[in-house]
Amino acid sequence: MFDLTSKQSFNDLNEWLNEIRGNCDENVKIIIVGNKKDLKDEKRIVDYDRAKNFADLNECKYIETSAKEKEAESIN
């Protein structure tokens, strides 16, 4: 999970993916979750397309959620 309003949080995903892949079975399924979907565009730093592209390049699923609004996308 990363914070959609934090560039650093998004940038840390590479390190977190390396940790997961270095410590888990090679067949592990990874879902990247962008949190704080409820915040408006002026506070959002990482747009959907950028995050989705990152997830696709790393063979991960991607969803966005809002803990505040208790909202999440379904995972297909």
PDB file of N, CA and C in Angstrom:
ATOM      1  N   MET A   1       0.850  -1.174   0.000  1.00  0.00           N
ATOM      2  CA  MET A   1       0.000   0.000   0.000  1.00  0.00           C
ATOM      3  C   MET A   1       0.894   1.235   0.000  1.00  0.00           C
ATOM      4  N   PHE A   2       0.483   2.230  -0.774  1.00  0.00           N
ATOM      5  CA  PHE A   2       1.195   3.502  -0.771  1.00  0.00           C
ATOM      6  C   PHE A   2       0.185   4.634  -0.723  1.00  0.00           C
ATOM      7  N   ASP A   3       0.660   5.796  -0.386  1.00  0.00           N
ATOM      8  CA  ASP A   3      -0.149   7.000  -0.224  1.00  0.00           C
ATOM      9  C   ASP A   3      -0.172   7.768  -1.544  1.00  0.00           C
ATOM     10  N   LEU A   4      -1.352   7.950  -2.123  1.00  0.00           N
ATOM     11  CA  LEU A   4      -1.480   8.657  -3.403  1.00  0.00           C
ATOM     12  C   LEU A   4      -1.058  10.123  -3.323  1.00  0.00           C
ATOM     13  N   THR A   5      -0.908  10.656  -2.120  1.00  0.00           N
ATOM     14  CA  THR A   5      -0.501  12.053  -1.955  1.00  0.00           C
ATOM     15  C   THR A   5       0.986  12.187  -1.629  1.00  0.00           C
ATOM     16  N   SER A   6       1.730  11.084  -1.723  1.00  0.00           N
ATOM     17  CA  SER A   6       3.145  11.098  -1.348  1.00  0.00           C
ATOM     18  C   SER A   6       4.012  10.495  -2.450  1.00  0.00           C
ATOM     19  N   LYS A   7       4.841  11.325  -3.061  1.00  0.00           N
ATOM     20  CA  LYS A   7       5.768  10.844  -4.086  1.00  0.00           C
ATOM     21  C   LYS A   7       6.746   9.845  -3.479  1.00  0.00           C
ATOM     22  N   GLN A   8       7.210  10.104  -2.267  1.00  0.00           N
ATOM     23  CA  GLN A   8       8.167   9.210  -1.612  1.00  0.00           C
ATOM     24  C   GLN A   8       7.558   7.835  -1.369  1.00  0.00           C
ATOM     25  N   SER A   9       6.309   7.819  -0.940  1.00  0.00           N
ATOM     26  CA  SER A   9       5.614   6.555  -0.713  1.00  0.00           C
ATOM     27  C   SER A   9       5.552   5.734  -2.008  1.00  0.00           C
ATOM     28  N   PHE A  10       5.230   6.377  -3.107  1.00  0.00           N
ATOM     29  CA  PHE A  10       5.191   5.699  -4.407  1.00  0.00           C
ATOM     30  C   PHE A  10       6.582   5.227  -4.807  1.00  0.00           C
ATOM     31  N   ASN A  11       7.583   6.064  -4.626  1.00  0.00           N
ATOM     32  CA  ASN A  11       8.952   5.697  -4.979  1.00  0.00           C
ATOM     33  C   ASN A  11       9.457   4.506  -4.166  1.00  0.00           C
ATOM     34  N   ASP A  12       8.960   4.349  -2.952  1.00  0.00           N
ATOM     35  CA  ASP A  12       9.377   3.238  -2.095  1.00  0.00           C
ATOM     36  C   ASP A  12       8.844   1.890  -2.566  1.00  0.00           C
ATOM     37  N   LEU A  13       7.891   1.883  -3.493  1.00  0.00           N
ATOM     38  CA  LEU A  13       7.316   0.621  -3.964  1.00  0.00           C
ATOM     39  C   LEU A  13       8.368  -0.330  -4.524  1.00  0.00           C
ATOM     40  N   ASN A  14       9.372   0.192  -5.225  1.00  0.00           N
ATOM     41  CA  ASN A  14      10.423  -0.682  -5.767  1.00  0.00           C
ATOM     42  C   ASN A  14      11.112  -1.463  -4.654  1.00  0.00           C
ATOM     43  N   GLU A  15      11.446  -0.774  -3.584  1.00  0.00           N
ATOM     44  CA  GLU A  15      12.113  -1.425  -2.450  1.00  0.00           C
ATOM     45  C   GLU A  15      11.196  -2.470  -1.825  1.00  0.00           C
ATOM     46  N   TRP A  16       9.934  -2.131  -1.650  1.00  0.00           N
ATOM     47  CA  TRP A  16       8.984  -3.060  -1.036  1.00  0.00           C
ATOM     48  C   TRP A  16       8.772  -4.295  -1.916  1.00  0.00           C
ATOM     49  N   LEU A  17       8.697  -4.096  -3.220  1.00  0.00           N
ATOM     50  CA  LEU A  17       8.557  -5.238  -4.126  1.00  0.00           C
ATOM     51  C   LEU A  17       9.779  -6.143  -4.064  1.00  0.00           C
ATOM     52  N   ASN A  18      10.954  -5.553  -3.991  1.00  0.00           N
ATOM     53  CA  ASN A  18      12.177  -6.351  -3.861  1.00  0.00           C
ATOM     54  C   ASN A  18      12.176  -7.157  -2.570  1.00  0.00           C
ATOM     55  N   GLU A  19      11.701  -6.552  -1.477  1.00  0.00           N
ATOM     56  CA  GLU A  19      11.597  -7.259  -0.192  1.00  0.00           C
ATOM     57  C   GLU A  19      10.643  -8.444  -0.312  1.00  0.00           C
ATOM     58  N   ILE A  20       9.495  -8.216  -0.894  1.00  0.00           N
ATOM     59  CA  ILE A  20       8.501  -9.286  -1.047  1.00  0.00           C
ATOM     60  C   ILE A  20       9.068 -10.408  -1.906  1.00  0.00           C
ATOM     61  N   ARG A  21       9.601 -10.055  -3.031  1.00  0.00           N
ATOM     62  CA  ARG A  21      10.106 -11.075  -3.960  1.00  0.00           C
ATOM     63  C   ARG A  21      11.325 -11.801  -3.418  1.00  0.00           C
ATOM     64  N   GLY A  22      12.085 -11.136  -2.573  1.00  0.00           N
ATOM     65  CA  GLY A  22      13.254 -11.769  -1.969  1.00  0.00           C
ATOM     66  C   GLY A  22      12.916 -12.691  -0.814  1.00  0.00           C
ATOM     67  N   ASN A  23      11.704 -12.576  -0.297  1.00  0.00           N
ATOM     68  CA  ASN A  23      11.337 -13.352   0.891  1.00  0.00           C
ATOM     69  C   ASN A  23      10.116 -14.244   0.707  1.00  0.00           C
ATOM     70  N   CYS A  24       9.551 -14.276  -0.485  1.00  0.00           N
ATOM     71  CA  CYS A  24       8.342 -15.058  -0.728  1.00  0.00           C
ATOM     72  C   CYS A  24       8.550 -16.010  -1.898  1.00  0.00           C
ATOM     73  N   ASP A  25       7.658 -16.962  -2.001  1.00  0.00           N
ATOM     74  CA  ASP A  25       7.633 -17.894  -3.116  1.00  0.00           C
ATOM     75  C   ASP A  25       7.528 -17.106  -4.416  1.00  0.00           C
ATOM     76  N   GLU A  26       8.135 -17.599  -5.471  1.00  0.00           N
ATOM     77  CA  GLU A  26       8.123 -16.872  -6.746  1.00  0.00           C
ATOM     78  C   GLU A  26       6.733 -16.749  -7.361  1.00  0.00           C
ATOM     79  N   ASN A  27       5.795 -17.555  -6.915  1.00  0.00           N
ATOM     80  CA  ASN A  27       4.438 -17.504  -7.446  1.00  0.00           C
ATOM     81  C   ASN A  27       3.504 -16.608  -6.640  1.00  0.00           C
ATOM     82  N   VAL A  28       4.049 -15.851  -5.710  1.00  0.00           N
ATOM     83  CA  VAL A  28       3.211 -14.980  -4.873  1.00  0.00           C
ATOM     84  C   VAL A  28       2.508 -13.938  -5.747  1.00  0.00           C
ATOM     85  N   LYS A  29       1.238 -13.704  -5.450  1.00  0.00           N
ATOM     86  CA  LYS A  29       0.465 -12.684  -6.159  1.00  0.00           C
ATOM     87  C   LYS A  29       0.534 -11.386  -5.361  1.00  0.00           C
ATOM     88  N   ILE A  30       0.844 -10.305  -6.034  1.00  0.00           N
ATOM     89  CA  ILE A  30       1.017  -9.016  -5.363  1.00  0.00           C
ATOM     90  C   ILE A  30      -0.046  -8.041  -5.861  1.00  0.00           C
ATOM     91  N   ILE A  31      -0.678  -7.382  -4.920  1.00  0.00           N
ATOM     92  CA  ILE A  31      -1.654  -6.335  -5.231  1.00  0.00           C
ATOM     93  C   ILE A  31      -1.108  -5.030  -4.674  1.00  0.00           C
ATOM     94  N   ILE A  32      -0.932  -4.046  -5.531  1.00  0.00           N
ATOM     95  CA  ILE A  32      -0.501  -2.721  -5.100  1.00  0.00           C
ATOM     96  C   ILE A  32      -1.750  -1.898  -4.848  1.00  0.00           C
ATOM     97  N   VAL A  33      -1.803  -1.265  -3.695  1.00  0.00           N
ATOM     98  CA  VAL A  33      -2.975  -0.494  -3.295  1.00  0.00           C
ATOM     99  C   VAL A  33      -2.587   0.971  -3.121  1.00  0.00           C
ATOM    100  N   GLY A  34      -3.243   1.847  -3.871  1.00  0.00           N
ATOM    101  CA  GLY A  34      -3.078   3.291  -3.704  1.00  0.00           C
ATOM    102  C   GLY A  34      -4.151   3.777  -2.738  1.00  0.00           C
ATOM    103  N   ASN A  35      -3.744   4.330  -1.599  1.00  0.00           N
ATOM    104  CA  ASN A  35      -4.693   4.777  -0.577  1.00  0.00           C
ATOM    105  C   ASN A  35      -4.877   6.295  -0.617  1.00  0.00           C
ATOM    106  N   LYS A  36      -5.967   6.758  -0.077  1.00  0.00           N
ATOM    107  CA  LYS A  36      -6.390   8.156  -0.019  1.00  0.00           C
ATOM    108  C   LYS A  36      -7.040   8.605  -1.321  1.00  0.00           C
ATOM    109  N   LYS A  37      -7.741   7.679  -1.939  1.00  0.00           N
ATOM    110  CA  LYS A  37      -8.466   7.967  -3.180  1.00  0.00           C
ATOM    111  C   LYS A  37      -9.477   9.096  -2.993  1.00  0.00           C
ATOM    112  N   ASP A  38      -9.935   9.283  -1.769  1.00  0.00           N
ATOM    113  CA  ASP A  38     -10.957  10.291  -1.479  1.00  0.00           C
ATOM    114  C   ASP A  38     -10.463  11.727  -1.625  1.00  0.00           C
ATOM    115  N   LEU A  39      -9.151  11.937  -1.563  1.00  0.00           N
ATOM    116  CA  LEU A  39      -8.624  13.297  -1.656  1.00  0.00           C
ATOM    117  C   LEU A  39      -8.697  13.806  -3.088  1.00  0.00           C
ATOM    118  N   LYS A  40      -8.966  15.055  -3.218  1.00  0.00           N
ATOM    119  CA  LYS A  40      -9.152  15.665  -4.540  1.00  0.00           C
ATOM    120  C   LYS A  40      -7.827  15.774  -5.289  1.00  0.00           C
ATOM    121  N   ASP A  41      -7.929  16.027  -6.579  1.00  0.00           N
ATOM    122  CA  ASP A  41      -6.767  16.057  -7.462  1.00  0.00           C
ATOM    123  C   ASP A  41      -5.674  17.024  -7.019  1.00  0.00           C
ATOM    124  N   GLU A  42      -6.025  18.119  -6.366  1.00  0.00           N
ATOM    125  CA  GLU A  42      -4.989  19.082  -5.968  1.00  0.00           C
ATOM    126  C   GLU A  42      -4.045  18.524  -4.904  1.00  0.00           C
ATOM    127  N   LYS A  43      -4.470  17.493  -4.165  1.00  0.00           N
ATOM    128  CA  LYS A  43      -3.611  16.875  -3.157  1.00  0.00           C
ATOM    129  C   LYS A  43      -2.960  15.594  -3.671  1.00  0.00           C
ATOM    130  N   ARG A  44      -3.510  15.060  -4.733  1.00  0.00           N
ATOM    131  CA  ARG A  44      -3.012  13.800  -5.273  1.00  0.00           C
ATOM    132  C   ARG A  44      -1.721  14.048  -6.047  1.00  0.00           C
ATOM    133  N   ILE A  45      -0.706  13.249  -5.761  1.00  0.00           N
ATOM    134  CA  ILE A  45       0.591  13.376  -6.430  1.00  0.00           C
ATOM    135  C   ILE A  45       0.758  12.301  -7.507  1.00  0.00           C
ATOM    136  N   VAL A  46       0.270  11.100  -7.226  1.00  0.00           N
ATOM    137  CA  VAL A  46       0.429   9.967  -8.137  1.00  0.00           C
ATOM    138  C   VAL A  46      -0.908   9.700  -8.830  1.00  0.00           C
ATOM    139  N   ASP A  47      -0.951   9.895 -10.151  1.00  0.00           N
ATOM    140  CA  ASP A  47      -2.216   9.672 -10.849  1.00  0.00           C
ATOM    141  C   ASP A  47      -2.419   8.179 -11.145  1.00  0.00           C
ATOM    142  N   TYR A  48      -3.655   7.839 -11.452  1.00  0.00           N
ATOM    143  CA  TYR A  48      -4.040   6.441 -11.662  1.00  0.00           C
ATOM    144  C   TYR A  48      -3.188   5.786 -12.747  1.00  0.00           C
ATOM    145  N   ASP A  49      -3.030   6.439 -13.884  1.00  0.00           N
ATOM    146  CA  ASP A  49      -2.306   5.842 -15.008  1.00  0.00           C
ATOM    147  C   ASP A  49      -0.861   5.525 -14.652  1.00  0.00           C
ATOM    148  N   ARG A  50      -0.219   6.409 -13.911  1.00  0.00           N
ATOM    149  CA  ARG A  50       1.183   6.181 -13.519  1.00  0.00           C
ATOM    150  C   ARG A  50       1.289   4.964 -12.600  1.00  0.00           C
ATOM    151  N   ALA A  51       0.405   4.896 -11.627  1.00  0.00           N
ATOM    152  CA  ALA A  51       0.435   3.778 -10.677  1.00  0.00           C
ATOM    153  C   ALA A  51       0.062   2.467 -11.367  1.00  0.00           C
ATOM    154  N   LYS A  52      -0.951   2.498 -12.225  1.00  0.00           N
ATOM    155  CA  LYS A  52      -1.379   1.295 -12.946  1.00  0.00           C
ATOM    156  C   LYS A  52      -0.272   0.806 -13.866  1.00  0.00           C
ATOM    157  N   ASN A  53       0.397   1.710 -14.550  1.00  0.00           N
ATOM    158  CA  ASN A  53       1.507   1.347 -15.425  1.00  0.00           C
ATOM    159  C   ASN A  53       2.627   0.690 -14.619  1.00  0.00           C
ATOM    160  N   PHE A  54       2.948   1.254 -13.456  1.00  0.00           N
ATOM    161  CA  PHE A  54       3.974   0.672 -12.593  1.00  0.00           C
ATOM    162  C   PHE A  54       3.578  -0.753 -12.208  1.00  0.00           C
ATOM    163  N   ALA A  55       2.337  -0.934 -11.796  1.00  0.00           N
ATOM    164  CA  ALA A  55       1.856  -2.258 -11.403  1.00  0.00           C
ATOM    165  C   ALA A  55       1.937  -3.236 -12.577  1.00  0.00           C
ATOM    166  N   ASP A  56       1.494  -2.805 -13.749  1.00  0.00           N
ATOM    167  CA  ASP A  56       1.536  -3.669 -14.929  1.00  0.00           C
ATOM    168  C   ASP A  56       2.969  -4.076 -15.269  1.00  0.00           C
ATOM    169  N   LEU A  57       3.886  -3.127 -15.227  1.00  0.00           N
ATOM    170  CA  LEU A  57       5.291  -3.428 -15.532  1.00  0.00           C
ATOM    171  C   LEU A  57       5.887  -4.419 -14.544  1.00  0.00           C
ATOM    172  N   ASN A  58       5.359  -4.425 -13.326  1.00  0.00           N
ATOM    173  CA  ASN A  58       5.867  -5.317 -12.285  1.00  0.00           C
ATOM    174  C   ASN A  58       4.981  -6.545 -12.078  1.00  0.00           C
ATOM    175  N   GLU A  59       4.069  -6.761 -13.036  1.00  0.00           N
ATOM    176  CA  GLU A  59       3.183  -7.931 -13.029  1.00  0.00           C
ATOM    177  C   GLU A  59       2.380  -8.044 -11.733  1.00  0.00           C
ATOM    178  N   CYS A  60       1.826  -6.909 -11.310  1.00  0.00           N
ATOM    179  CA  CYS A  60       1.010  -6.839 -10.106  1.00  0.00           C
ATOM    180  C   CYS A  60      -0.384  -6.324 -10.467  1.00  0.00           C
ATOM    181  N   LYS A  61      -1.342  -6.648  -9.635  1.00  0.00           N
ATOM    182  CA  LYS A  61      -2.670  -6.045  -9.745  1.00  0.00           C
ATOM    183  C   LYS A  61      -2.595  -4.660  -9.108  1.00  0.00           C
ATOM    184  N   TYR A  62      -3.524  -3.779  -9.468  1.00  0.00           N
ATOM    185  CA  TYR A  62      -3.562  -2.441  -8.877  1.00  0.00           C
ATOM    186  C   TYR A  62      -4.993  -2.041  -8.563  1.00  0.00           C
ATOM    187  N   ILE A  63      -5.197  -1.523  -7.357  1.00  0.00           N
ATOM    188  CA  ILE A  63      -6.486  -0.951  -6.973  1.00  0.00           C
ATOM    189  C   ILE A  63      -6.241   0.333  -6.189  1.00  0.00           C
ATOM    190  N   GLU A  64      -7.275   1.151  -6.114  1.00  0.00           N
ATOM    191  CA  GLU A  64      -7.229   2.349  -5.277  1.00  0.00           C
ATOM    192  C   GLU A  64      -8.331   2.250  -4.244  1.00  0.00           C
ATOM    193  N   THR A  65      -8.057   2.811  -3.083  1.00  0.00           N
ATOM    194  CA  THR A  65      -8.984   2.718  -1.975  1.00  0.00           C
ATOM    195  C   THR A  65      -8.985   3.997  -1.154  1.00  0.00           C
ATOM    196  N   SER A  66      -9.996   4.114  -0.324  1.00  0.00           N
ATOM    197  CA  SER A  66     -10.079   5.202   0.650  1.00  0.00           C
ATOM    198  C   SER A  66     -10.453   4.593   1.993  1.00  0.00           C
ATOM    199  N   ALA A  67      -9.517   4.574   2.912  1.00  0.00           N
ATOM    200  CA  ALA A  67      -9.813   4.078   4.256  1.00  0.00           C
ATOM    201  C   ALA A  67     -10.835   4.989   4.928  1.00  0.00           C
ATOM    202  N   LYS A  68     -10.716   6.276   4.699  1.00  0.00           N
ATOM    203  CA  LYS A  68     -11.637   7.247   5.297  1.00  0.00           C
ATOM    204  C   LYS A  68     -13.071   7.014   4.839  1.00  0.00           C
ATOM    205  N   GLU A  69     -13.251   6.783   3.553  1.00  0.00           N
ATOM    206  CA  GLU A  69     -14.579   6.595   2.981  1.00  0.00           C
ATOM    207  C   GLU A  69     -15.018   5.125   2.981  1.00  0.00           C
ATOM    208  N   LYS A  70     -14.136   4.247   3.460  1.00  0.00           N
ATOM    209  CA  LYS A  70     -14.403   2.794   3.481  1.00  0.00           C
ATOM    210  C   LYS A  70     -14.773   2.303   2.080  1.00  0.00           C
ATOM    211  N   GLU A  71     -13.955   2.694   1.122  1.00  0.00           N
ATOM    212  CA  GLU A  71     -14.222   2.412  -0.291  1.00  0.00           C
ATOM    213  C   GLU A  71     -13.022   1.732  -0.921  1.00  0.00           C
ATOM    214  N   ALA A  72     -13.281   0.701  -1.721  1.00  0.00           N
ATOM    215  CA  ALA A  72     -12.228   0.025  -2.468  1.00  0.00           C
ATOM    216  C   ALA A  72     -12.803  -0.520  -3.758  1.00  0.00           C
ATOM    217  N   GLU A  73     -11.949  -0.637  -4.752  1.00  0.00           N
ATOM    218  CA  GLU A  73     -12.336  -1.245  -6.014  1.00  0.00           C
ATOM    219  C   GLU A  73     -12.344  -2.752  -5.833  1.00  0.00           C
ATOM    220  N   SER A  74     -13.074  -3.436  -6.668  1.00  0.00           N
ATOM    221  CA  SER A  74     -13.006  -4.899  -6.643  1.00  0.00           C
ATOM    222  C   SER A  74     -11.742  -5.339  -7.386  1.00  0.00           C
ATOM    223  N   ILE A  75     -11.256  -6.489  -7.009  1.00  0.00           N
ATOM    224  CA  ILE A  75     -10.052  -7.030  -7.635  1.00  0.00           C
ATOM    225  C   ILE A  75     -10.479  -8.113  -8.612  1.00  0.00           C
ATOM    226  N   ASN A  76     -10.099  -7.934  -9.863  1.00  0.00           N
ATOM    227  CA  ASN A  76     -10.465  -8.923 -10.888  1.00  0.00           C
ATOM    228  C   ASN A  76      -9.329  -9.881 -11.127  1.00  0.00           C
TER     229      ASN A  76
END
